[in-house]
C-alpha atoms as a PDB file:
ATOM      1  CA  MET A   1       0.384 -15.176  -9.609  1.00  0.00           C
ATOM      2  CA  SER A   2       3.203 -17.676  -9.296  1.00  0.00           C
ATOM      3  CA  GLN A   3       6.373 -16.807  -7.416  1.00  0.00           C
ATOM      4  CA  GLY A   4       8.502 -16.517 -10.572  1.00  0.00           C
ATOM      5  CA  ALA A   5       5.971 -14.739 -12.791  1.00  0.00           C
ATOM      6  CA  ARG A   6       6.601 -11.067 -13.384  1.00  0.00           C
ATOM      7  CA  LEU A   7       3.808  -8.570 -14.013  1.00  0.00           C
ATOM      8  CA  LYS A   8       4.374  -6.627 -17.215  1.00  0.00           C
ATOM      9  CA  THR A   9       1.931  -3.717 -16.998  1.00  0.00           C
ATOM     10  CA  TYR A  10       0.785  -1.388 -14.276  1.00  0.00           C
ATOM     11  CA  THR A  11      -2.823  -2.411 -14.963  1.00  0.00           C
ATOM     12  CA  GLU A  12      -1.928  -6.026 -14.109  1.00  0.00           C
ATOM     13  CA  PHE A  13      -0.021  -4.833 -11.072  1.00  0.00           C
ATOM     14  CA  TRP A  14      -2.905  -2.695  -9.765  1.00  0.00           C
ATOM     15  CA  ALA A  15      -5.263  -5.693  -9.728  1.00  0.00           C
ATOM     16  CA  PHE A  16      -2.550  -7.748  -7.981  1.00  0.00           C
ATOM     17  CA  TYR A  17      -1.888  -4.910  -5.508  1.00  0.00           C
ATOM     18  CA  LEU A  18      -5.550  -4.637  -4.536  1.00  0.00           C
ATOM     19  CA  GLY A  19      -5.656  -8.399  -4.036  1.00  0.00           C
ATOM     20  CA  GLU A  20      -2.729  -8.124  -1.643  1.00  0.00           C
ATOM     21  CA  HIS A  21      -4.726  -5.576   0.402  1.00  0.00           C
ATOM     22  CA  ARG A  22      -7.999  -7.472   0.907  1.00  0.00           C
ATOM     23  CA  ARG A  23      -8.355  -6.791   4.603  1.00  0.00           C
ATOM     24  CA  ALA A  24      -9.519  -3.415   5.862  1.00  0.00           C
ATOM     25  CA  GLY A  25      -6.949  -3.487   8.681  1.00  0.00           C
ATOM     26  CA  THR A  26      -4.088  -3.778   6.206  1.00  0.00           C
ATOM     27  CA  ARG A  27      -5.448  -0.866   4.208  1.00  0.00           C
ATOM     28  CA  ALA A  28      -5.919   1.195   7.385  1.00  0.00           C
ATOM     29  CA  LEU A  29      -2.274   0.688   8.350  1.00  0.00           C
ATOM     30  CA  HIS A  30      -1.261   1.688   4.822  1.00  0.00           C
ATOM     31  CA  PHE A  31      -3.346   4.844   5.043  1.00  0.00           C
ATOM     32  CA  LEU A  32      -1.843   5.684   8.431  1.00  0.00           C
ATOM     33  CA  GLY A  33       1.720   5.078   7.228  1.00  0.00           C
ATOM     34  CA  THR A  34       1.251   6.969   3.981  1.00  0.00           C
ATOM     35  CA  SER A  35      -0.346   9.919   5.782  1.00  0.00           C
ATOM     36  CA  LEU A  36       2.403  10.042   8.391  1.00  0.00           C
ATOM     37  CA  GLY A  37       4.999   9.726   5.656  1.00  0.00           C
ATOM     38  CA  LEU A  38       3.502  12.719   3.852  1.00  0.00           C
ATOM     39  CA  GLY A  39       3.408  14.695   7.094  1.00  0.00           C
ATOM     40  CA  PHE A  40       7.019  13.923   7.961  1.00  0.00           C
ATOM     41  CA  SER A  41       8.131  14.693   4.391  1.00  0.00           C
ATOM     42  CA  THR A  42       6.386  18.053   4.502  1.00  0.00           C
ATOM     43  CA  ALA A  43       7.912  18.800   7.907  1.00  0.00           C
ATOM     44  CA  ALA A  44      11.352  17.832   6.545  1.00  0.00           C
ATOM     45  CA  VAL A  45      11.048  20.413   3.779  1.00  0.00           C
ATOM     46  CA  VAL A  46       9.663  23.124   6.059  1.00  0.00           C
ATOM     47  CA  ALA A  47      12.234  22.512   8.807  1.00  0.00           C
ATOM     48  CA  TRP A  48      15.001  21.639   6.336  1.00  0.00           C
ATOM     49  CA  ASP A  49      15.793  18.569   8.463  1.00  0.00           C
ATOM     50  CA  TRP A  50      16.813  15.392   6.627  1.00  0.00           C
ATOM     51  CA  ARG A  51      16.145  13.261   9.727  1.00  0.00           C
ATOM     52  CA  LEU A  52      12.438  13.804   9.201  1.00  0.00           C
ATOM     53  CA  LEU A  53      12.802  12.070   5.818  1.00  0.00           C
ATOM     54  CA  LEU A  54      14.038   8.999   7.677  1.00  0.00           C
ATOM     55  CA  ALA A  55      10.976   9.224   9.901  1.00  0.00           C
ATOM     56  CA  ALA A  56       8.803   9.486   6.766  1.00  0.00           C
ATOM     57  CA  LEU A  57      10.288   6.286   5.345  1.00  0.00           C
ATOM     58  CA  ALA A  58      10.052   4.463   8.671  1.00  0.00           C
ATOM     59  CA  ALA A  59       6.412   5.449   9.164  1.00  0.00           C
ATOM     60  CA  GLY A  60       5.355   4.821   5.578  1.00  0.00           C
ATOM     61  CA  TYR A  61       6.957   1.435   5.189  1.00  0.00           C
ATOM     62  CA  GLY A  62       6.782   0.353   8.818  1.00  0.00           C
ATOM     63  CA  PHE A  63       3.014   0.541   9.144  1.00  0.00           C
ATOM     64  CA  ALA A  64       2.462  -0.981   5.697  1.00  0.00           C
ATOM     65  CA  TRP A  65       4.817  -3.899   6.323  1.00  0.00           C
ATOM     66  CA  LEU A  66       3.282  -4.472   9.750  1.00  0.00           C
ATOM     67  CA  GLY A  67      -0.115  -4.827   8.086  1.00  0.00           C
ATOM     68  CA  HIS A  68       1.226  -7.353   5.609  1.00  0.00           C
ATOM     69  CA  ALA A  69       3.010  -9.390   8.280  1.00  0.00           C
ATOM     70  CA  VAL A  70       0.352  -9.387  10.992  1.00  0.00           C
ATOM     71  CA  ILE A  71      -2.984  -8.902   9.239  1.00  0.00           C
ATOM     72  CA  GLU A  72      -2.683  -9.906   5.593  1.00  0.00           C
ATOM     73  CA  LYS A  73       0.059 -12.502   6.137  1.00  0.00           C
ATOM     74  CA  ASN A  74       1.677 -11.915   2.769  1.00  0.00           C
ATOM     75  CA  ARG A  75       4.874 -10.407   1.408  1.00  0.00           C
ATOM     76  CA  PRO A  76       4.713  -6.705   0.510  1.00  0.00           C
ATOM     77  CA  ALA A  77       4.810  -6.040  -3.240  1.00  0.00           C
ATOM     78  CA  THR A  78       7.430  -3.356  -2.500  1.00  0.00           C
ATOM     79  CA  PHE A  79      10.175  -5.959  -2.666  1.00  0.00           C
ATOM     80  CA  ARG A  80       9.458  -6.906  -6.295  1.00  0.00           C
ATOM     81  CA  TYR A  81       7.787  -3.751  -7.600  1.00  0.00           C
ATOM     82  CA  PRO A  82       9.088  -0.797  -5.545  1.00  0.00           C
ATOM     83  CA  LEU A  83       7.985   2.077  -7.793  1.00  0.00           C
ATOM     84  CA  TRP A  84       4.583   0.646  -8.681  1.00  0.00           C
ATOM     85  CA  SER A  85       3.961  -0.176  -5.018  1.00  0.00           C
ATOM     86  CA  PHE A  86       4.911   3.318  -3.898  1.00  0.00           C
ATOM     87  CA  LEU A  87       2.591   4.897  -6.472  1.00  0.00           C
ATOM     88  CA  SER A  88      -0.202   2.455  -5.637  1.00  0.00           C
ATOM     89  CA  ASP A  89      -0.091   3.361  -1.943  1.00  0.00           C
ATOM     90  CA  PHE A  90      -1.012   6.914  -2.925  1.00  0.00           C
ATOM     91  CA  ARG A  91      -3.542   5.748  -5.506  1.00  0.00           C
ATOM     92  CA  MET A  92      -5.285   3.528  -2.940  1.00  0.00           C
ATOM     93  CA  LEU A  93      -5.274   6.385  -0.416  1.00  0.00           C
ATOM     94  CA  GLY A  94      -6.774   8.690  -3.056  1.00  0.00           C
ATOM     95  CA  PHE A  95      -9.572   6.232  -3.816  1.00  0.00           C
ATOM     96  CA  TRP A  96     -10.268   5.910  -0.102  1.00  0.00           C
ATOM     97  CA  LEU A  97     -10.280   9.684   0.494  1.00  0.00           C
ATOM     98  CA  THR A  98     -12.725  10.191  -2.381  1.00  0.00           C
ATOM     99  CA  GLY A  99     -15.002   7.354  -1.258  1.00  0.00           C
ATOM    100  CA  ARG A 100     -14.339   5.259  -4.360  1.00  0.00           C
ATOM    101  CA  LEU A 101     -12.172   2.477  -2.924  1.00  0.00           C
ATOM    102  CA  SER A 102     -15.025  -0.015  -2.415  1.00  0.00           C
ATOM    103  CA  GLU A 103     -16.026   0.464  -6.045  1.00  0.00           C
ATOM    104  CA  GLU A 104     -12.423  -0.055  -7.183  1.00  0.00           C
ATOM    105  CA  LEU A 105     -12.059  -3.209  -5.075  1.00  0.00           C
ATOM    106  CA  ALA A 106     -15.332  -4.602  -6.427  1.00  0.00           C
ATOM    107  CA  ARG A 107     -14.312  -3.774 -10.009  1.00  0.00           C
ATOM    108  CA  ASP A 108     -11.278  -6.002  -9.537  1.00  0.00           C
ATOM    109  CA  GLY A 109     -13.317  -8.741  -7.883  1.00  0.00           C
ATOM    110  CA  ILE A 110     -12.100  -8.082  -4.336  1.00  0.00           C
ATOM    111  CA  THR A 111     -15.236  -8.524  -2.315  1.00  0.00           C
ATOM    112  CA  ARG A 112     -14.087 -10.460   0.728  1.00  0.00           C
ATOM    113  CA  GLU A 113     -11.905  -9.724   3.698  1.00  0.00           C
ATOM    114  CA  GLU A 114     -10.167 -13.070   4.075  1.00  0.00           C
ATOM    115  CA  PRO A 115      -6.925 -13.812   2.223  1.00  0.00           C
ATOM    116  CA  PRO A 116      -7.255 -16.015  -0.860  1.00  0.00           C
ATOM    117  CA  GLN A 117      -6.768 -19.764  -0.444  1.00  0.00           C
ATOM    118  CA  ASP A 118      -3.954 -21.353  -2.460  1.00  0.00           C
END
């Protein structure tokens, strides 16, 4: 996808999103951040403490962005597609939890760990 091109459908985005998460380490940091974010969000509701929502955002995005910067070496899709990215974090986690992520990656042609060459 070129820098200026804009994805028009979520189906297109999902394939792009998976391609931006080729490395297992990046996905692991996403899973950690998303899980911590869910935990902090739940604690915020139970404790009625808005500061825990800040912790949820910091954990969720912090771990994901760290993975993109250090492991994947790409720019998080969150900056161009915030809602689709947010939903896809949970979708990817769901596929992983149900043991279907490898199948989903293969379906979209993501079979290698290294980042694509330009």
